[in-house]
């Protein structure tokens, strides 16, 4: 499984598919594996309280899912899955709350870490 960080208000797929603005600007939808979603969240979304994690089955996406370096590359060499197309609604198998800590940082939700 892979996950995508999404503002709650953006999770309303039109026509049965979900797209993120990055599909137009970067050519892909940024994702993470469940254990590393906190890395981009802390770098880009620190302090936000309106986020969810879309849990995605890559086998159901129907578009290329490519594991690549982040921008900038992570110092430990962690790579992230990029989805090169829209994500069908049925590929999203769960939506998880993404809690923010008091210091504005994120942790992986228990509902995802138990999987």
N, C-alpha and C. Protein backbone atom coordinates (compact mmCIF):
# COMPACT_ATOMS: atom_id res chain seq x y z
N UNK A 1 0.83 -1.19 0.00
CA UNK A 1 0.00 0.00 0.00
C UNK A 1 0.88 1.25 0.00
N UNK A 2 0.34 2.30 -0.59
CA UNK A 2 0.99 3.61 -0.55
C UNK A 2 -0.04 4.60 -0.01
N UNK A 3 0.42 5.78 0.40
CA UNK A 3 -0.49 6.79 0.93
C UNK A 3 -0.22 8.14 0.27
N UNK A 4 -1.26 8.94 0.24
CA UNK A 4 -1.17 10.30 -0.30
C UNK A 4 -1.73 11.25 0.74
N UNK A 5 -0.99 12.31 1.04
CA UNK A 5 -1.43 13.34 1.98
C UNK A 5 -2.38 14.27 1.23
N UNK A 6 -3.54 14.49 1.83
CA UNK A 6 -4.59 15.23 1.13
C UNK A 6 -5.37 16.11 2.12
N UNK A 7 -5.61 17.38 1.79
CA UNK A 7 -6.54 18.15 2.62
C UNK A 7 -7.93 17.50 2.57
N UNK A 8 -8.59 17.44 3.71
CA UNK A 8 -9.91 16.79 3.77
C UNK A 8 -10.85 17.31 2.69
N UNK A 9 -10.84 18.59 2.47
CA UNK A 9 -11.75 19.20 1.50
C UNK A 9 -11.46 18.82 0.06
N UNK A 10 -10.27 18.32 -0.21
CA UNK A 10 -9.92 17.92 -1.59
C UNK A 10 -10.32 16.49 -1.90
N UNK A 11 -10.68 15.71 -0.87
CA UNK A 11 -11.03 14.32 -1.09
C UNK A 11 -12.49 14.21 -1.49
N UNK A 12 -12.74 14.57 -2.71
CA UNK A 12 -14.08 14.47 -3.29
C UNK A 12 -13.88 14.17 -4.77
N UNK A 13 -13.56 12.92 -5.09
CA UNK A 13 -13.24 12.61 -6.48
C UNK A 13 -14.39 12.87 -7.43
N UNK A 14 -14.08 13.55 -8.52
CA UNK A 14 -15.08 13.82 -9.55
C UNK A 14 -14.96 12.75 -10.63
N UNK A 15 -16.08 12.24 -11.05
CA UNK A 15 -16.07 11.25 -12.13
C UNK A 15 -15.39 9.96 -11.74
N UNK A 16 -15.31 9.70 -10.43
CA UNK A 16 -14.73 8.45 -10.00
C UNK A 16 -13.22 8.42 -9.92
N UNK A 17 -12.55 9.58 -10.11
CA UNK A 17 -11.10 9.63 -10.00
C UNK A 17 -10.67 10.80 -9.12
N UNK A 18 -9.50 10.64 -8.49
CA UNK A 18 -8.91 11.70 -7.68
C UNK A 18 -7.68 12.23 -8.41
N UNK A 19 -7.56 13.53 -8.48
CA UNK A 19 -6.34 14.14 -9.01
C UNK A 19 -5.87 15.19 -8.01
N UNK A 20 -4.59 15.39 -7.97
CA UNK A 20 -4.00 16.44 -7.14
C UNK A 20 -3.41 17.50 -8.07
N UNK A 21 -3.24 18.70 -7.57
CA UNK A 21 -2.66 19.77 -8.38
C UNK A 21 -1.29 19.38 -8.93
N UNK A 22 -0.55 18.56 -8.19
CA UNK A 22 0.79 18.18 -8.63
C UNK A 22 0.76 17.35 -9.92
N UNK A 23 -0.37 16.75 -10.24
CA UNK A 23 -0.45 16.00 -11.49
C UNK A 23 -0.26 16.96 -12.67
N UNK A 24 -0.80 18.17 -12.55
CA UNK A 24 -0.62 19.18 -13.60
C UNK A 24 0.75 19.86 -13.51
N UNK A 25 1.20 20.18 -12.30
CA UNK A 25 2.45 20.94 -12.16
C UNK A 25 3.70 20.08 -12.25
N UNK A 26 3.66 18.87 -11.67
CA UNK A 26 4.85 18.01 -11.63
C UNK A 26 4.73 16.79 -12.56
N UNK A 27 3.52 16.50 -13.03
CA UNK A 27 3.31 15.35 -13.89
C UNK A 27 2.99 14.07 -13.14
N UNK A 28 2.88 14.15 -11.82
CA UNK A 28 2.56 12.98 -11.01
C UNK A 28 1.94 13.40 -9.69
N UNK A 29 1.36 12.44 -8.99
CA UNK A 29 0.80 12.65 -7.65
C UNK A 29 1.80 12.12 -6.64
N UNK A 30 2.21 12.98 -5.72
CA UNK A 30 3.18 12.60 -4.68
C UNK A 30 2.55 11.63 -3.69
N UNK A 31 3.24 10.55 -3.39
CA UNK A 31 2.79 9.59 -2.39
C UNK A 31 3.96 9.18 -1.51
N UNK A 32 3.67 8.37 -0.53
CA UNK A 32 4.68 7.82 0.38
C UNK A 32 4.29 6.39 0.70
N UNK A 33 5.20 5.67 1.34
CA UNK A 33 4.77 4.41 1.92
C UNK A 33 4.23 4.76 3.31
N UNK A 34 3.43 3.91 3.91
CA UNK A 34 2.81 4.26 5.19
C UNK A 34 3.80 4.63 6.29
N UNK A 35 4.99 4.08 6.27
CA UNK A 35 5.96 4.35 7.32
C UNK A 35 6.75 5.63 7.15
N UNK A 36 6.67 6.25 5.98
CA UNK A 36 7.46 7.47 5.75
C UNK A 36 6.61 8.70 5.43
N UNK A 37 5.30 8.61 5.56
CA UNK A 37 4.44 9.75 5.23
C UNK A 37 4.73 10.97 6.09
N UNK A 38 5.26 10.73 7.29
CA UNK A 38 5.57 11.86 8.17
C UNK A 38 6.71 12.72 7.62
N UNK A 39 7.59 12.16 6.78
CA UNK A 39 8.73 12.93 6.26
C UNK A 39 8.26 14.10 5.39
N UNK A 40 7.49 13.86 4.32
CA UNK A 40 7.03 15.02 3.55
C UNK A 40 6.01 15.86 4.32
N UNK A 41 5.23 15.22 5.18
CA UNK A 41 4.25 15.99 5.96
C UNK A 41 4.95 17.02 6.83
N UNK A 42 6.00 16.61 7.53
CA UNK A 42 6.72 17.54 8.40
C UNK A 42 7.48 18.60 7.60
N UNK A 43 7.93 18.25 6.40
CA UNK A 43 8.67 19.20 5.57
C UNK A 43 7.76 20.23 4.89
N UNK A 44 6.55 19.81 4.53
CA UNK A 44 5.68 20.66 3.70
C UNK A 44 4.44 21.16 4.43
N UNK A 45 3.88 20.34 5.34
CA UNK A 45 2.57 20.65 5.92
C UNK A 45 2.59 20.88 7.44
N UNK A 46 3.73 21.14 8.03
CA UNK A 46 3.84 21.27 9.49
C UNK A 46 2.75 22.20 10.04
N UNK A 47 2.08 21.70 11.08
CA UNK A 47 1.06 22.49 11.77
C UNK A 47 -0.33 22.43 11.19
N UNK A 48 -0.50 21.87 10.01
CA UNK A 48 -1.85 21.82 9.42
C UNK A 48 -2.70 20.78 10.12
N UNK A 49 -3.93 21.12 10.33
CA UNK A 49 -4.85 20.23 11.05
C UNK A 49 -5.96 19.69 10.16
N UNK A 50 -5.89 19.93 8.87
CA UNK A 50 -6.97 19.56 7.95
C UNK A 50 -6.59 18.43 7.00
N UNK A 51 -5.63 17.60 7.39
CA UNK A 51 -5.11 16.60 6.45
C UNK A 51 -5.61 15.19 6.75
N UNK A 52 -5.74 14.40 5.69
CA UNK A 52 -6.01 12.98 5.80
C UNK A 52 -4.98 12.24 4.95
N UNK A 53 -4.87 10.95 5.19
CA UNK A 53 -4.03 10.09 4.37
C UNK A 53 -4.93 9.16 3.57
N UNK A 54 -4.80 9.22 2.27
CA UNK A 54 -5.52 8.28 1.41
C UNK A 54 -4.67 7.03 1.29
N UNK A 55 -5.20 5.90 1.71
CA UNK A 55 -4.49 4.63 1.57
C UNK A 55 -4.85 4.04 0.22
N UNK A 56 -3.85 3.81 -0.60
CA UNK A 56 -4.05 3.46 -2.00
C UNK A 56 -3.43 2.09 -2.30
N UNK A 57 -4.19 1.26 -2.99
CA UNK A 57 -3.66 -0.01 -3.47
C UNK A 57 -3.08 0.23 -4.86
N UNK A 58 -1.75 0.20 -5.00
CA UNK A 58 -1.14 0.52 -6.30
C UNK A 58 -1.56 -0.43 -7.42
N UNK A 59 -1.98 -1.63 -7.07
CA UNK A 59 -2.41 -2.59 -8.09
C UNK A 59 -3.71 -2.16 -8.75
N UNK A 60 -4.46 -1.27 -8.10
CA UNK A 60 -5.74 -0.81 -8.64
C UNK A 60 -5.66 0.56 -9.30
N UNK A 61 -4.49 1.17 -9.30
CA UNK A 61 -4.35 2.54 -9.82
C UNK A 61 -4.51 2.60 -11.34
N UNK A 62 -3.90 1.68 -12.06
CA UNK A 62 -4.01 1.69 -13.52
C UNK A 62 -3.12 2.70 -14.20
N UNK A 63 -2.27 3.37 -13.46
CA UNK A 63 -1.28 4.31 -14.01
C UNK A 63 0.08 3.89 -13.44
N UNK A 64 1.16 4.28 -14.10
CA UNK A 64 2.48 3.92 -13.57
C UNK A 64 2.69 4.48 -12.16
N UNK A 65 3.22 3.63 -11.28
CA UNK A 65 3.65 4.04 -9.94
C UNK A 65 5.15 3.80 -9.90
N UNK A 66 5.91 4.89 -9.80
CA UNK A 66 7.37 4.82 -9.89
C UNK A 66 7.99 5.32 -8.58
N UNK A 67 8.87 4.54 -8.00
CA UNK A 67 9.58 4.92 -6.78
C UNK A 67 10.80 5.74 -7.19
N UNK A 68 10.84 6.99 -6.68
CA UNK A 68 11.89 7.92 -7.09
C UNK A 68 12.36 8.74 -5.89
N UNK A 69 13.51 9.40 -6.09
CA UNK A 69 14.00 10.31 -5.07
C UNK A 69 13.04 11.47 -4.91
N UNK A 70 13.01 12.03 -3.71
CA UNK A 70 12.25 13.25 -3.48
C UNK A 70 13.00 14.44 -4.03
N UNK A 71 12.42 15.61 -3.88
CA UNK A 71 13.06 16.84 -4.34
C UNK A 71 13.05 17.83 -3.20
N UNK A 72 14.13 17.97 -2.47
CA UNK A 72 15.45 17.39 -2.72
C UNK A 72 15.49 15.93 -2.26
N UNK A 73 16.49 15.19 -2.72
CA UNK A 73 16.61 13.78 -2.29
C UNK A 73 16.76 13.69 -0.77
N UNK A 74 16.17 12.67 -0.19
CA UNK A 74 16.27 12.46 1.26
C UNK A 74 17.71 12.05 1.59
N UNK A 75 18.27 12.59 2.68
CA UNK A 75 19.67 12.27 3.00
C UNK A 75 19.93 10.78 3.25
N UNK A 76 18.91 10.04 3.67
CA UNK A 76 19.08 8.60 3.91
C UNK A 76 18.74 7.77 2.68
N UNK A 77 18.46 8.43 1.56
CA UNK A 77 18.16 7.70 0.33
C UNK A 77 16.74 7.18 0.24
N UNK A 78 15.84 7.66 1.10
CA UNK A 78 14.45 7.22 1.06
C UNK A 78 13.83 7.65 -0.27
N UNK A 79 13.17 6.72 -0.95
CA UNK A 79 12.46 7.04 -2.18
C UNK A 79 10.97 7.05 -1.92
N UNK A 80 10.24 7.73 -2.80
CA UNK A 80 8.81 7.91 -2.65
C UNK A 80 8.09 7.47 -3.93
N UNK A 81 6.89 6.87 -3.78
CA UNK A 81 6.13 6.49 -4.98
C UNK A 81 5.44 7.70 -5.59
N UNK A 82 5.57 7.82 -6.89
CA UNK A 82 4.90 8.87 -7.65
C UNK A 82 3.92 8.19 -8.59
N UNK A 83 2.67 8.65 -8.59
CA UNK A 83 1.63 8.08 -9.44
C UNK A 83 1.48 8.98 -10.66
N UNK A 84 1.77 8.43 -11.83
CA UNK A 84 1.76 9.19 -13.08
C UNK A 84 0.40 9.12 -13.78
N UNK A 85 -0.63 9.54 -13.07
CA UNK A 85 -1.97 9.60 -13.62
C UNK A 85 -2.97 9.77 -12.50
N UNK A 86 -4.23 9.96 -12.84
CA UNK A 86 -5.27 10.08 -11.80
C UNK A 86 -5.44 8.76 -11.05
N UNK A 87 -5.96 8.86 -9.85
CA UNK A 87 -6.16 7.68 -9.00
C UNK A 87 -7.65 7.35 -8.97
N UNK A 88 -8.04 6.18 -9.47
CA UNK A 88 -9.46 5.81 -9.43
C UNK A 88 -9.96 5.71 -7.98
N UNK A 89 -11.19 6.10 -7.77
CA UNK A 89 -11.79 6.07 -6.43
C UNK A 89 -11.68 4.68 -5.80
N UNK A 90 -11.84 3.63 -6.58
CA UNK A 90 -11.79 2.28 -6.01
C UNK A 90 -10.39 1.86 -5.60
N UNK A 91 -9.34 2.59 -6.02
CA UNK A 91 -7.98 2.29 -5.59
C UNK A 91 -7.71 2.82 -4.18
N UNK A 92 -8.55 3.75 -3.71
CA UNK A 92 -8.42 4.29 -2.35
C UNK A 92 -9.19 3.36 -1.43
N UNK A 93 -8.45 2.54 -0.68
CA UNK A 93 -9.08 1.50 0.13
C UNK A 93 -9.44 1.98 1.53
N UNK A 94 -8.87 3.11 1.97
CA UNK A 94 -9.20 3.68 3.28
C UNK A 94 -8.75 5.13 3.33
N UNK A 95 -9.40 5.89 4.19
CA UNK A 95 -9.02 7.28 4.44
C UNK A 95 -8.76 7.38 5.94
N UNK A 96 -7.56 7.85 6.30
CA UNK A 96 -7.14 7.92 7.69
C UNK A 96 -6.96 9.37 8.12
N UNK A 97 -7.41 9.69 9.32
CA UNK A 97 -7.09 10.99 9.90
C UNK A 97 -5.58 11.08 10.03
N UNK A 98 -5.02 12.28 9.88
CA UNK A 98 -3.57 12.47 9.99
C UNK A 98 -3.32 13.47 11.10
N UNK A 99 -3.20 12.98 12.34
CA UNK A 99 -3.11 13.87 13.49
C UNK A 99 -1.80 14.65 13.54
N UNK A 100 -1.92 15.89 13.96
CA UNK A 100 -0.75 16.74 14.15
C UNK A 100 -0.48 16.83 15.66
N UNK A 101 0.77 16.79 16.03
CA UNK A 101 1.16 16.90 17.43
C UNK A 101 1.12 18.37 17.86
N UNK A 102 1.25 18.59 19.14
CA UNK A 102 1.26 19.95 19.67
C UNK A 102 2.36 20.83 19.11
N UNK A 103 3.48 20.21 18.72
CA UNK A 103 4.60 21.00 18.15
C UNK A 103 4.47 21.20 16.65
N UNK A 104 3.35 20.76 16.06
CA UNK A 104 3.11 20.94 14.63
C UNK A 104 3.62 19.80 13.76
N UNK A 105 4.27 18.80 14.36
CA UNK A 105 4.78 17.69 13.57
C UNK A 105 3.73 16.58 13.47
N UNK A 106 3.99 15.65 12.57
CA UNK A 106 3.05 14.56 12.31
C UNK A 106 3.62 13.23 12.76
N UNK A 107 2.72 12.32 13.05
CA UNK A 107 3.07 10.93 13.34
C UNK A 107 2.14 10.06 12.51
N UNK A 108 2.59 8.86 12.25
CA UNK A 108 1.76 7.93 11.49
C UNK A 108 0.57 7.53 12.37
N UNK A 109 -0.65 7.64 11.86
CA UNK A 109 -1.81 7.28 12.68
C UNK A 109 -1.81 5.79 13.03
N UNK A 110 -2.31 5.48 14.21
CA UNK A 110 -2.37 4.09 14.66
C UNK A 110 -3.14 3.21 13.68
N UNK A 111 -4.19 3.77 13.08
CA UNK A 111 -5.01 2.98 12.15
C UNK A 111 -4.19 2.50 10.96
N UNK A 112 -3.12 3.19 10.64
CA UNK A 112 -2.27 2.80 9.53
C UNK A 112 -1.07 1.98 10.01
N UNK A 113 -0.54 2.30 11.16
CA UNK A 113 0.65 1.60 11.64
C UNK A 113 0.34 0.17 12.06
N UNK A 114 -0.93 -0.14 12.32
CA UNK A 114 -1.31 -1.50 12.71
C UNK A 114 -1.43 -2.42 11.51
N UNK A 115 -1.38 -1.91 10.32
CA UNK A 115 -1.56 -2.73 9.12
C UNK A 115 -0.28 -3.45 8.75
